[in-house]
Amino acid sequence: MADVLNLAMLICASLGAMAFGILAAYAILRATFAFIRPRKSPAPAPVKTQTEAARTS
C-alpha cells in the first residue's frame, strides 16, 4: 500500500512541477515580449500651414 501511495505522490509531484515550469516559462516570455514591444509614440501635433502669395517679378 505504501508503494502505491508513494507512486501516486511521485506522479502528482512531477505533474505539478511540470505545470509550474510551463506557467513560469510562459510568464517570463510574456513579460519579456511586453518589455521589448515598441511603444506607440503620441501623434505629432498638426503643422499649421500659412498660405503665401507667390512673388513674381
N, C-alpha and C. Protein backbone atom coordinates (compact mmCIF):
# COMPACT_ATOMS: atom_id res chain seq x y z
N MET A 1 0.82 -1.19 0.00
CA MET A 1 0.00 0.00 0.00
C MET A 1 0.86 1.26 0.00
N ALA A 2 1.97 1.21 0.72
CA ALA A 2 2.85 2.37 0.80
C ALA A 2 3.49 2.63 -0.57
N ASP A 3 3.78 1.58 -1.31
CA ASP A 3 4.37 1.78 -2.63
C ASP A 3 3.41 2.48 -3.58
N VAL A 4 2.13 2.15 -3.51
CA VAL A 4 1.13 2.78 -4.37
C VAL A 4 0.98 4.25 -4.00
N LEU A 5 0.99 4.53 -2.69
CA LEU A 5 0.88 5.91 -2.23
C LEU A 5 2.11 6.71 -2.65
N ASN A 6 3.28 6.12 -2.53
CA ASN A 6 4.50 6.80 -2.96
C ASN A 6 4.50 7.05 -4.47
N LEU A 7 4.01 6.10 -5.24
CA LEU A 7 3.93 6.27 -6.69
C LEU A 7 2.95 7.39 -7.04
N ALA A 8 1.81 7.43 -6.38
CA ALA A 8 0.82 8.47 -6.64
C ALA A 8 1.38 9.85 -6.28
N MET A 9 2.08 9.94 -5.16
CA MET A 9 2.69 11.22 -4.76
C MET A 9 3.77 11.63 -5.74
N LEU A 10 4.54 10.68 -6.24
CA LEU A 10 5.59 10.98 -7.20
C LEU A 10 4.99 11.49 -8.51
N ILE A 11 3.91 10.86 -8.95
CA ILE A 11 3.26 11.28 -10.19
C ILE A 11 2.66 12.68 -10.02
N CYS A 12 1.98 12.92 -8.90
CA CYS A 12 1.40 14.23 -8.66
C CYS A 12 2.47 15.31 -8.55
N ALA A 13 3.57 15.00 -7.90
CA ALA A 13 4.65 15.98 -7.76
C ALA A 13 5.29 16.28 -9.10
N SER A 14 5.47 15.27 -9.93
CA SER A 14 6.08 15.51 -11.24
C SER A 14 5.14 16.31 -12.14
N LEU A 15 3.84 16.04 -12.09
CA LEU A 15 2.89 16.83 -12.88
C LEU A 15 2.81 18.26 -12.38
N GLY A 16 2.84 18.45 -11.08
CA GLY A 16 2.83 19.80 -10.52
C GLY A 16 4.08 20.58 -10.89
N ALA A 17 5.23 19.92 -10.83
CA ALA A 17 6.47 20.60 -11.20
C ALA A 17 6.48 20.96 -12.68
N MET A 18 5.95 20.07 -13.51
CA MET A 18 5.90 20.36 -14.94
C MET A 18 4.95 21.51 -15.22
N ALA A 19 3.79 21.52 -14.56
CA ALA A 19 2.84 22.61 -14.75
C ALA A 19 3.43 23.93 -14.27
N PHE A 20 4.11 23.91 -13.13
CA PHE A 20 4.73 25.13 -12.63
C PHE A 20 5.81 25.63 -13.58
N GLY A 21 6.61 24.73 -14.14
CA GLY A 21 7.65 25.13 -15.08
C GLY A 21 7.08 25.74 -16.35
N ILE A 22 6.01 25.14 -16.86
CA ILE A 22 5.40 25.67 -18.07
C ILE A 22 4.80 27.04 -17.82
N LEU A 23 4.09 27.21 -16.70
CA LEU A 23 3.49 28.50 -16.39
C LEU A 23 4.55 29.56 -16.10
N ALA A 24 5.63 29.17 -15.45
CA ALA A 24 6.71 30.14 -15.19
C ALA A 24 7.38 30.57 -16.49
N ALA A 25 7.62 29.63 -17.39
CA ALA A 25 8.22 29.98 -18.68
C ALA A 25 7.29 30.88 -19.48
N TYR A 26 6.00 30.60 -19.43
CA TYR A 26 5.02 31.44 -20.14
C TYR A 26 5.02 32.86 -19.57
N ALA A 27 5.05 32.98 -18.26
CA ALA A 27 5.05 34.31 -17.64
C ALA A 27 6.32 35.08 -17.97
N ILE A 28 7.46 34.39 -17.97
CA ILE A 28 8.73 35.06 -18.28
C ILE A 28 8.74 35.53 -19.73
N LEU A 29 8.30 34.67 -20.65
CA LEU A 29 8.28 35.07 -22.06
C LEU A 29 7.29 36.20 -22.31
N ARG A 30 6.14 36.13 -21.67
CA ARG A 30 5.14 37.18 -21.85
C ARG A 30 5.66 38.53 -21.33
N ALA A 31 6.31 38.51 -20.19
CA ALA A 31 6.86 39.75 -19.63
C ALA A 31 7.99 40.27 -20.51
N THR A 32 8.82 39.38 -21.03
CA THR A 32 9.94 39.81 -21.87
C THR A 32 9.44 40.42 -23.17
N PHE A 33 8.47 39.78 -23.81
CA PHE A 33 7.95 40.34 -25.05
C PHE A 33 7.21 41.64 -24.82
N ALA A 34 6.55 41.78 -23.68
CA ALA A 34 5.89 43.05 -23.36
C ALA A 34 6.93 44.14 -23.14
N PHE A 35 8.07 43.77 -22.60
CA PHE A 35 9.12 44.75 -22.34
C PHE A 35 9.78 45.22 -23.63
N ILE A 36 9.97 44.32 -24.60
CA ILE A 36 10.66 44.71 -25.84
C ILE A 36 9.70 45.19 -26.93
N ARG A 37 8.40 45.19 -26.65
CA ARG A 37 7.43 45.68 -27.64
C ARG A 37 7.65 47.16 -27.87
N PRO A 38 7.66 47.59 -29.13
CA PRO A 38 7.84 49.03 -29.38
C PRO A 38 6.65 49.81 -28.84
N ARG A 39 6.96 50.90 -28.19
CA ARG A 39 5.92 51.74 -27.61
C ARG A 39 5.36 52.66 -28.67
N LYS A 40 4.06 52.91 -28.60
CA LYS A 40 3.44 53.83 -29.54
C LYS A 40 3.71 55.25 -29.05
N SER A 41 4.30 56.06 -29.91
CA SER A 41 4.55 57.43 -29.53
C SER A 41 3.29 58.24 -29.80
N PRO A 42 3.08 59.30 -29.04
CA PRO A 42 1.88 60.11 -29.28
C PRO A 42 1.95 60.74 -30.67
N ALA A 43 0.78 60.98 -31.23
CA ALA A 43 0.71 61.55 -32.57
C ALA A 43 1.32 62.95 -32.56
N PRO A 44 2.11 63.28 -33.57
CA PRO A 44 2.70 64.62 -33.61
C PRO A 44 1.62 65.67 -33.81
N ALA A 45 1.91 66.86 -33.30
CA ALA A 45 0.95 67.95 -33.43
C ALA A 45 0.81 68.32 -34.90
N PRO A 46 -0.39 68.65 -35.34
CA PRO A 46 -0.56 69.01 -36.76
C PRO A 46 0.19 70.30 -37.07
N VAL A 47 0.77 70.34 -38.24
CA VAL A 47 1.54 71.50 -38.67
C VAL A 47 0.57 72.53 -39.22
N LYS A 48 0.68 73.74 -38.71
CA LYS A 48 -0.18 74.81 -39.21
C LYS A 48 0.47 75.39 -40.45
N THR A 49 -0.26 75.36 -41.53
CA THR A 49 0.29 75.89 -42.79
C THR A 49 -0.20 77.33 -42.98
N GLN A 50 0.68 78.12 -43.51
CA GLN A 50 0.32 79.51 -43.82
C GLN A 50 0.41 79.69 -45.33
N THR A 51 -0.62 80.26 -45.85
CA THR A 51 -0.60 80.49 -47.30
C THR A 51 0.17 81.76 -47.60
N GLU A 52 0.92 81.72 -48.66
CA GLU A 52 1.74 82.85 -49.03
C GLU A 52 1.55 83.10 -50.52
N ALA A 53 1.44 84.33 -50.87
CA ALA A 53 1.29 84.66 -52.27
C ALA A 53 2.63 84.54 -52.97
N ALA A 54 2.62 84.01 -54.17
CA ALA A 54 3.86 83.87 -54.92
C ALA A 54 4.30 85.24 -55.43
N ARG A 55 5.56 85.52 -55.33
CA ARG A 55 6.08 86.81 -55.80
C ARG A 55 6.66 86.62 -57.18
N THR A 56 6.16 87.35 -58.09
CA THR A 56 6.69 87.29 -59.46
C THR A 56 7.22 88.65 -59.83
N SER A 57 8.28 88.68 -60.53
CA SER A 57 8.84 89.99 -60.92
C SER A 57 8.91 90.12 -62.42
